[in-house]
PDB file of N, CA and C in Angstrom:
ATOM      1  N   MET A   1      -0.029 -61.123  -5.764  1.00  0.00           N
ATOM      2  CA  MET A   1       0.523 -62.127  -4.890  1.00  0.00           C
ATOM      3  C   MET A   1      -0.232 -63.445  -5.112  1.00  0.00           C
ATOM      4  N   PRO A   2       0.500 -64.556  -5.280  1.00  0.00           N
ATOM      5  CA  PRO A   2      -0.163 -65.851  -5.462  1.00  0.00           C
ATOM      6  C   PRO A   2      -0.970 -66.251  -4.217  1.00  0.00           C
ATOM      7  N   SER A   3      -1.943 -67.110  -4.429  1.00  0.00           N
ATOM      8  CA  SER A   3      -2.772 -67.579  -3.321  1.00  0.00           C
ATOM      9  C   SER A   3      -2.091 -68.745  -2.601  1.00  0.00           C
ATOM     10  N   ALA A   4      -2.610 -69.069  -1.415  1.00  0.00           N
ATOM     11  CA  ALA A   4      -2.095 -70.211  -0.662  1.00  0.00           C
ATOM     12  C   ALA A   4      -2.225 -71.489  -1.487  1.00  0.00           C
ATOM     13  N   LYS A   5      -3.298 -71.599  -2.257  1.00  0.00           N
ATOM     14  CA  LYS A   5      -3.506 -72.780  -3.103  1.00  0.00           C
ATOM     15  C   LYS A   5      -2.400 -72.906  -4.151  1.00  0.00           C
ATOM     16  N   GLU A   6      -2.027 -71.786  -4.756  1.00  0.00           N
ATOM     17  CA  GLU A   6      -0.944 -71.818  -5.745  1.00  0.00           C
ATOM     18  C   GLU A   6       0.377 -72.203  -5.097  1.00  0.00           C
ATOM     19  N   TYR A   7       0.650 -71.665  -3.911  1.00  0.00           N
ATOM     20  CA  TYR A   7       1.881 -72.025  -3.203  1.00  0.00           C
ATOM     21  C   TYR A   7       1.899 -73.515  -2.876  1.00  0.00           C
ATOM     22  N   ARG A   8       0.741 -74.060  -2.458  1.00  0.00           N
ATOM     23  CA  ARG A   8       0.674 -75.489  -2.150  1.00  0.00           C
ATOM     24  C   ARG A   8       0.931 -76.335  -3.397  1.00  0.00           C
ATOM     25  N   ALA A   9       0.527 -75.847  -4.556  1.00  0.00           N
ATOM     26  CA  ALA A   9       0.815 -76.567  -5.803  1.00  0.00           C
ATOM     27  C   ALA A   9       2.329 -76.623  -6.037  1.00  0.00           C
ATOM     28  N   TYR A  10       3.034 -75.536  -5.701  1.00  0.00           N
ATOM     29  CA  TYR A  10       4.496 -75.533  -5.814  1.00  0.00           C
ATOM     30  C   TYR A  10       5.111 -76.532  -4.831  1.00  0.00           C
ATOM     31  N   VAL A  11       4.539 -76.615  -3.625  1.00  0.00           N
ATOM     32  CA  VAL A  11       5.013 -77.589  -2.643  1.00  0.00           C
ATOM     33  C   VAL A  11       4.906 -78.994  -3.232  1.00  0.00           C
ATOM     34  N   ASP A  12       3.756 -79.309  -3.796  1.00  0.00           N
ATOM     35  CA  ASP A  12       3.540 -80.639  -4.370  1.00  0.00           C
ATOM     36  C   ASP A  12       4.531 -80.939  -5.494  1.00  0.00           C
ATOM     37  N   LYS A  13       4.804 -79.943  -6.335  1.00  0.00           N
ATOM     38  CA  LYS A  13       5.775 -80.145  -7.417  1.00  0.00           C
ATOM     39  C   LYS A  13       7.155 -80.436  -6.854  1.00  0.00           C
ATOM     40  N   CYS A  14       7.560 -79.673  -5.858  1.00  0.00           N
ATOM     41  CA  CYS A  14       8.883 -79.873  -5.262  1.00  0.00           C
ATOM     42  C   CYS A  14       9.005 -81.242  -4.614  1.00  0.00           C
ATOM     43  N   ILE A  15       7.938 -81.690  -3.961  1.00  0.00           N
ATOM     44  CA  ILE A  15       7.959 -83.019  -3.344  1.00  0.00           C
ATOM     45  C   ILE A  15       8.080 -84.092  -4.423  1.00  0.00           C
ATOM     46  N   GLY A  16       7.367 -83.916  -5.514  1.00  0.00           N
ATOM     47  CA  GLY A  16       7.475 -84.861  -6.623  1.00  0.00           C
ATOM     48  C   GLY A  16       8.891 -84.918  -7.173  1.00  0.00           C
ATOM     49  N   TRP A  17       9.505 -83.756  -7.331  1.00  0.00           N
ATOM     50  CA  TRP A  17      10.888 -83.720  -7.816  1.00  0.00           C
ATOM     51  C   TRP A  17      11.820 -84.379  -6.815  1.00  0.00           C
ATOM     52  N   ALA A  18      11.582 -84.159  -5.528  1.00  0.00           N
ATOM     53  CA  ALA A  18      12.423 -84.770  -4.493  1.00  0.00           C
ATOM     54  C   ALA A  18      12.301 -86.294  -4.535  1.00  0.00           C
ATOM     55  N   GLU A  19      11.100 -86.785  -4.767  1.00  0.00           N
ATOM     56  CA  GLU A  19      10.899 -88.233  -4.840  1.00  0.00           C
ATOM     57  C   GLU A  19      11.618 -88.847  -6.032  1.00  0.00           C
ATOM     58  N   ARG A  20      11.792 -88.082  -7.095  1.00  0.00           N
ATOM     59  CA  ARG A  20      12.464 -88.580  -8.297  1.00  0.00           C
ATOM     60  C   ARG A  20      13.938 -88.185  -8.370  1.00  0.00           C
ATOM     61  N   ALA A  21      14.428 -87.475  -7.378  1.00  0.00           N
ATOM     62  CA  ALA A  21      15.820 -87.019  -7.383  1.00  0.00           C
ATOM     63  C   ALA A  21      16.766 -88.214  -7.423  1.00  0.00           C
ATOM     64  N   THR A  22      17.876 -88.035  -8.114  1.00  0.00           N
ATOM     65  CA  THR A  22      18.838 -89.132  -8.252  1.00  0.00           C
ATOM     66  C   THR A  22      19.981 -89.040  -7.246  1.00  0.00           C
ATOM     67  N   THR A  23      20.081 -87.919  -6.537  1.00  0.00           N
ATOM     68  CA  THR A  23      21.120 -87.779  -5.508  1.00  0.00           C
ATOM     69  C   THR A  23      20.511 -87.183  -4.249  1.00  0.00           C
ATOM     70  N   ASP A  24      21.175 -87.426  -3.133  1.00  0.00           N
ATOM     71  CA  ASP A  24      20.729 -86.832  -1.875  1.00  0.00           C
ATOM     72  C   ASP A  24      20.772 -85.312  -1.950  1.00  0.00           C
ATOM     73  N   TYR A  25      21.786 -84.778  -2.626  1.00  0.00           N
ATOM     74  CA  TYR A  25      21.916 -83.323  -2.763  1.00  0.00           C
ATOM     75  C   TYR A  25      20.697 -82.741  -3.468  1.00  0.00           C
ATOM     76  N   GLU A  26      20.303 -83.340  -4.596  1.00  0.00           N
ATOM     77  CA  GLU A  26      19.126 -82.858  -5.326  1.00  0.00           C
ATOM     78  C   GLU A  26      17.875 -82.953  -4.463  1.00  0.00           C
ATOM     79  N   ARG A  27      17.710 -84.104  -3.779  1.00  0.00           N
ATOM     80  CA  ARG A  27      16.538 -84.300  -2.933  1.00  0.00           C
ATOM     81  C   ARG A  27      16.472 -83.219  -1.857  1.00  0.00           C
ATOM     82  N   ASP A  28      17.599 -82.944  -1.217  1.00  0.00           N
ATOM     83  CA  ASP A  28      17.627 -81.927  -0.169  1.00  0.00           C
ATOM     84  C   ASP A  28      17.267 -80.543  -0.703  1.00  0.00           C
ATOM     85  N   ILE A  29      17.746 -80.223  -1.899  1.00  0.00           N
ATOM     86  CA  ILE A  29      17.426 -78.922  -2.504  1.00  0.00           C
ATOM     87  C   ILE A  29      15.917 -78.815  -2.742  1.00  0.00           C
ATOM     88  N   PHE A  30      15.324 -79.854  -3.324  1.00  0.00           N
ATOM     89  CA  PHE A  30      13.885 -79.820  -3.594  1.00  0.00           C
ATOM     90  C   PHE A  30      13.066 -79.758  -2.308  1.00  0.00           C
ATOM     91  N   LEU A  31      13.522 -80.442  -1.263  1.00  0.00           N
ATOM     92  CA  LEU A  31      12.796 -80.386   0.014  1.00  0.00           C
ATOM     93  C   LEU A  31      12.935 -79.011   0.668  1.00  0.00           C
ATOM     94  N   GLN A  32      14.076 -78.383   0.520  1.00  0.00           N
ATOM     95  CA  GLN A  32      14.234 -77.011   1.017  1.00  0.00           C
ATOM     96  C   GLN A  32      13.295 -76.066   0.262  1.00  0.00           C
ATOM     97  N   MET A  33      13.192 -76.263  -1.045  1.00  0.00           N
ATOM     98  CA  MET A  33      12.268 -75.447  -1.835  1.00  0.00           C
ATOM     99  C   MET A  33      10.832 -75.674  -1.374  1.00  0.00           C
ATOM    100  N   ALA A  34      10.471 -76.941  -1.128  1.00  0.00           N
ATOM    101  CA  ALA A  34       9.117 -77.258  -0.657  1.00  0.00           C
ATOM    102  C   ALA A  34       8.847 -76.571   0.672  1.00  0.00           C
ATOM    103  N   LYS A  35       9.824 -76.569   1.547  1.00  0.00           N
ATOM    104  CA  LYS A  35       9.659 -75.908   2.851  1.00  0.00           C
ATOM    105  C   LYS A  35       9.388 -74.416   2.658  1.00  0.00           C
ATOM    106  N   GLY A  36      10.129 -73.786   1.770  1.00  0.00           N
ATOM    107  CA  GLY A  36       9.922 -72.356   1.519  1.00  0.00           C
ATOM    108  C   GLY A  36       8.532 -72.072   0.968  1.00  0.00           C
ATOM    109  N   TRP A  37       8.088 -72.894   0.014  1.00  0.00           N
ATOM    110  CA  TRP A  37       6.744 -72.705  -0.547  1.00  0.00           C
ATOM    111  C   TRP A  37       5.670 -72.983   0.491  1.00  0.00           C
ATOM    112  N   LEU A  38       5.912 -73.977   1.354  1.00  0.00           N
ATOM    113  CA  LEU A  38       4.939 -74.275   2.403  1.00  0.00           C
ATOM    114  C   LEU A  38       4.809 -73.103   3.370  1.00  0.00           C
ATOM    115  N   GLU A  39       5.918 -72.520   3.741  1.00  0.00           N
ATOM    116  CA  GLU A  39       5.869 -71.347   4.625  1.00  0.00           C
ATOM    117  C   GLU A  39       5.140 -70.194   3.948  1.00  0.00           C
ATOM    118  N   ALA A  40       5.372 -70.013   2.643  1.00  0.00           N
ATOM    119  CA  ALA A  40       4.659 -68.963   1.908  1.00  0.00           C
ATOM    120  C   ALA A  40       3.157 -69.244   1.903  1.00  0.00           C
ATOM    121  N   ALA A  41       2.776 -70.515   1.738  1.00  0.00           N
ATOM    122  CA  ALA A  41       1.363 -70.879   1.741  1.00  0.00           C
ATOM    123  C   ALA A  41       0.730 -70.590   3.103  1.00  0.00           C
ATOM    124  N   LEU A  42       1.451 -70.915   4.157  1.00  0.00           N
ATOM    125  CA  LEU A  42       0.931 -70.653   5.505  1.00  0.00           C
ATOM    126  C   LEU A  42       0.750 -69.162   5.747  1.00  0.00           C
ATOM    127  N   ILE A  43       1.714 -68.378   5.323  1.00  0.00           N
ATOM    128  CA  ILE A  43       1.623 -66.919   5.488  1.00  0.00           C
ATOM    129  C   ILE A  43       0.463 -66.376   4.659  1.00  0.00           C
ATOM    130  N   ALA A  44       0.332 -66.874   3.418  1.00  0.00           N
ATOM    131  CA  ALA A  44      -0.761 -66.411   2.553  1.00  0.00           C
ATOM    132  C   ALA A  44      -2.129 -66.777   3.129  1.00  0.00           C
ATOM    133  N   SER A  45      -2.172 -67.843   3.941  1.00  0.00           N
ATOM    134  CA  SER A  45      -3.449 -68.239   4.537  1.00  0.00           C
ATOM    135  C   SER A  45      -3.660 -67.626   5.918  1.00  0.00           C
ATOM    136  N   GLY A  46      -2.756 -66.719   6.329  1.00  0.00           N
ATOM    137  CA  GLY A  46      -2.974 -65.971   7.561  1.00  0.00           C
ATOM    138  C   GLY A  46      -2.050 -66.273   8.711  1.00  0.00           C
ATOM    139  N   ALA A  47      -1.143 -67.233   8.574  1.00  0.00           N
ATOM    140  CA  ALA A  47      -0.197 -67.536   9.653  1.00  0.00           C
ATOM    141  C   ALA A  47       0.880 -66.459   9.704  1.00  0.00           C
ATOM    142  N   SER A  48       1.430 -66.246  10.863  1.00  0.00           N
ATOM    143  CA  SER A  48       2.531 -65.298  11.019  1.00  0.00           C
ATOM    144  C   SER A  48       3.839 -65.966  10.618  1.00  0.00           C
ATOM    145  N   PRO A  49       4.795 -65.189  10.076  1.00  0.00           N
ATOM    146  CA  PRO A  49       6.103 -65.769   9.774  1.00  0.00           C
ATOM    147  C   PRO A  49       6.688 -66.381  11.045  1.00  0.00           C
ATOM    148  N   GLY A  50       7.290 -67.537  10.932  1.00  0.00           N
ATOM    149  CA  GLY A  50       7.863 -68.212  12.083  1.00  0.00           C
ATOM    150  C   GLY A  50       6.873 -69.052  12.856  1.00  0.00           C
ATOM    151  N   GLN A  51       5.615 -69.040  12.456  1.00  0.00           N
ATOM    152  CA  GLN A  51       4.579 -69.799  13.145  1.00  0.00           C
ATOM    153  C   GLN A  51       4.504 -71.244  12.629  1.00  0.00           C
ATOM    154  N   THR A  52       5.327 -71.571  11.652  1.00  0.00           N
ATOM    155  CA  THR A  52       5.304 -72.911  11.085  1.00  0.00           C
ATOM    156  C   THR A  52       6.091 -73.866  11.972  1.00  0.00           C
ATOM    157  N   ALA A  53       5.694 -75.125  11.971  1.00  0.00           N
ATOM    158  CA  ALA A  53       6.368 -76.144  12.786  1.00  0.00           C
ATOM    159  C   ALA A  53       6.792 -77.310  11.911  1.00  0.00           C
ATOM    160  N   TRP A  54       7.998 -77.791  12.134  1.00  0.00           N
ATOM    161  CA  TRP A  54       8.524 -78.924  11.394  1.00  0.00           C
ATOM    162  C   TRP A  54       8.822 -80.043  12.371  1.00  0.00           C
ATOM    163  N   THR A  55       8.409 -81.245  12.011  1.00  0.00           N
ATOM    164  CA  THR A  55       8.700 -82.398  12.847  1.00  0.00           C
ATOM    165  C   THR A  55      10.072 -82.961  12.533  1.00  0.00           C
ATOM    166  N   LYS A  56      10.560 -82.741  11.316  1.00  0.00           N
ATOM    167  CA  LYS A  56      11.876 -83.217  10.901  1.00  0.00           C
ATOM    168  C   LYS A  56      12.531 -82.156  10.038  1.00  0.00           C
ATOM    169  N   SER A  57      13.822 -82.163  10.039  1.00  0.00           N
ATOM    170  CA  SER A  57      14.565 -81.284   9.149  1.00  0.00           C
ATOM    171  C   SER A  57      14.491 -81.833   7.738  1.00  0.00           C
ATOM    172  N   PRO A  58      14.355 -80.969   6.706  1.00  0.00           N
ATOM    173  CA  PRO A  58      14.332 -81.461   5.334  1.00  0.00           C
ATOM    174  C   PRO A  58      15.587 -82.222   4.936  1.00  0.00           C
ATOM    175  N   SER A  59      16.668 -82.122   5.705  1.00  0.00           N
ATOM    176  CA  SER A  59      17.875 -82.867   5.353  1.00  0.00           C
ATOM    177  C   SER A  59      17.943 -84.219   6.046  1.00  0.00           C
ATOM    178  N   ASP A  60      16.891 -84.605   6.806  1.00  0.00           N
ATOM    179  CA  ASP A  60      16.862 -85.915   7.444  1.00  0.00           C
ATOM    180  C   ASP A  60      16.874 -87.004   6.382  1.00  0.00           C
ATOM    181  N   GLU A  61      17.511 -88.109   6.710  1.00  0.00           N
ATOM    182  CA  GLU A  61      17.621 -89.218   5.772  1.00  0.00           C
ATOM    183  C   GLU A  61      16.411 -90.141   5.819  1.00  0.00           C
ATOM    184  N   ASP A  62      15.548 -90.025   6.814  1.00  0.00           N
ATOM    185  CA  ASP A  62      14.502 -91.024   7.017  1.00  0.00           C
ATOM    186  C   ASP A  62      13.097 -90.491   6.766  1.00  0.00           C
ATOM    187  N   GLY A  63      12.773 -90.254   5.516  1.00  0.00           N
ATOM    188  CA  GLY A  63      11.397 -89.927   5.183  1.00  0.00           C
ATOM    189  C   GLY A  63      11.032 -88.459   5.240  1.00  0.00           C
ATOM    190  N   SER A  64      11.931 -87.590   4.887  1.00  0.00           N
ATOM    191  CA  SER A  64      11.644 -86.157   4.937  1.00  0.00           C
ATOM    192  C   SER A  64      10.499 -85.771   4.021  1.00  0.00           C
ATOM    193  N   ALA A  65      10.438 -86.390   2.862  1.00  0.00           N
ATOM    194  CA  ALA A  65       9.365 -86.039   1.931  1.00  0.00           C
ATOM    195  C   ALA A  65       8.010 -86.301   2.568  1.00  0.00           C
ATOM    196  N   ALA A  66       7.911 -87.359   3.350  1.00  0.00           N
ATOM    197  CA  ALA A  66       6.646 -87.658   4.022  1.00  0.00           C
ATOM    198  C   ALA A  66       6.311 -86.576   5.027  1.00  0.00           C
ATOM    199  N   ALA A  67       7.323 -86.071   5.746  1.00  0.00           N
ATOM    200  CA  ALA A  67       7.077 -85.014   6.730  1.00  0.00           C
ATOM    201  C   ALA A  67       6.585 -83.754   6.036  1.00  0.00           C
ATOM    202  N   VAL A  68       7.205 -83.384   4.924  1.00  0.00           N
ATOM    203  CA  VAL A  68       6.782 -82.197   4.190  1.00  0.00           C
ATOM    204  C   VAL A  68       5.394 -82.427   3.613  1.00  0.00           C
ATOM    205  N   SER A  69       5.162 -83.621   3.076  1.00  0.00           N
ATOM    206  CA  SER A  69       3.867 -83.929   2.494  1.00  0.00           C
ATOM    207  C   SER A  69       2.758 -83.856   3.537  1.00  0.00           C
ATOM    208  N   GLN A  70       3.007 -84.355   4.733  1.00  0.00           N
ATOM    209  CA  GLN A  70       2.011 -84.298   5.794  1.00  0.00           C
ATOM    210  C   GLN A  70       1.714 -82.854   6.161  1.00  0.00           C
ATOM    211  N   GLU A  71       2.737 -82.032   6.242  1.00  0.00           N
ATOM    212  CA  GLU A  71       2.550 -80.624   6.565  1.00  0.00           C
ATOM    213  C   GLU A  71       1.724 -79.942   5.477  1.00  0.00           C
ATOM    214  N   SER A  72       2.029 -80.216   4.203  1.00  0.00           N
ATOM    215  CA  SER A  72       1.334 -79.534   3.128  1.00  0.00           C
ATOM    216  C   SER A  72      -0.122 -79.978   3.030  1.00  0.00           C
ATOM    217  N   SER A  73      -0.396 -81.235   3.360  1.00  0.00           N
ATOM    218  CA  SER A  73      -1.776 -81.688   3.275  1.00  0.00           C
ATOM    219  C   SER A  73      -2.617 -81.163   4.441  1.00  0.00           C
ATOM    220  N   ALA A  74      -1.955 -80.681   5.489  1.00  0.00           N
ATOM    221  CA  ALA A  74      -2.682 -80.151   6.645  1.00  0.00           C
ATOM    222  C   ALA A  74      -3.181 -78.733   6.400  1.00  0.00           C
ATOM    223  N   ILE A  75      -2.716 -78.104   5.336  1.00  0.00           N
ATOM    224  CA  ILE A  75      -3.095 -76.723   5.063  1.00  0.00           C
ATOM    225  C   ILE A  75      -4.456 -76.676   4.419  1.00  0.00           C
TER     226      ILE A  75
END
């Protein structure tokens, strides 16, 4: 099983892809992937499934990547 650190690296990659996405659809897909990897990182570091909190939905139009990035840097 990968470590929380490895999962966080996947989060960072997905956020980078989302920042470079050319369509809203692509950006949303990458942010959804980042959310999944972030949840995996939290679980790998001892959090219970469902214990994660999101301030914004990854499909929000106003700075979702920042919300995911803030969550990932808090781990």
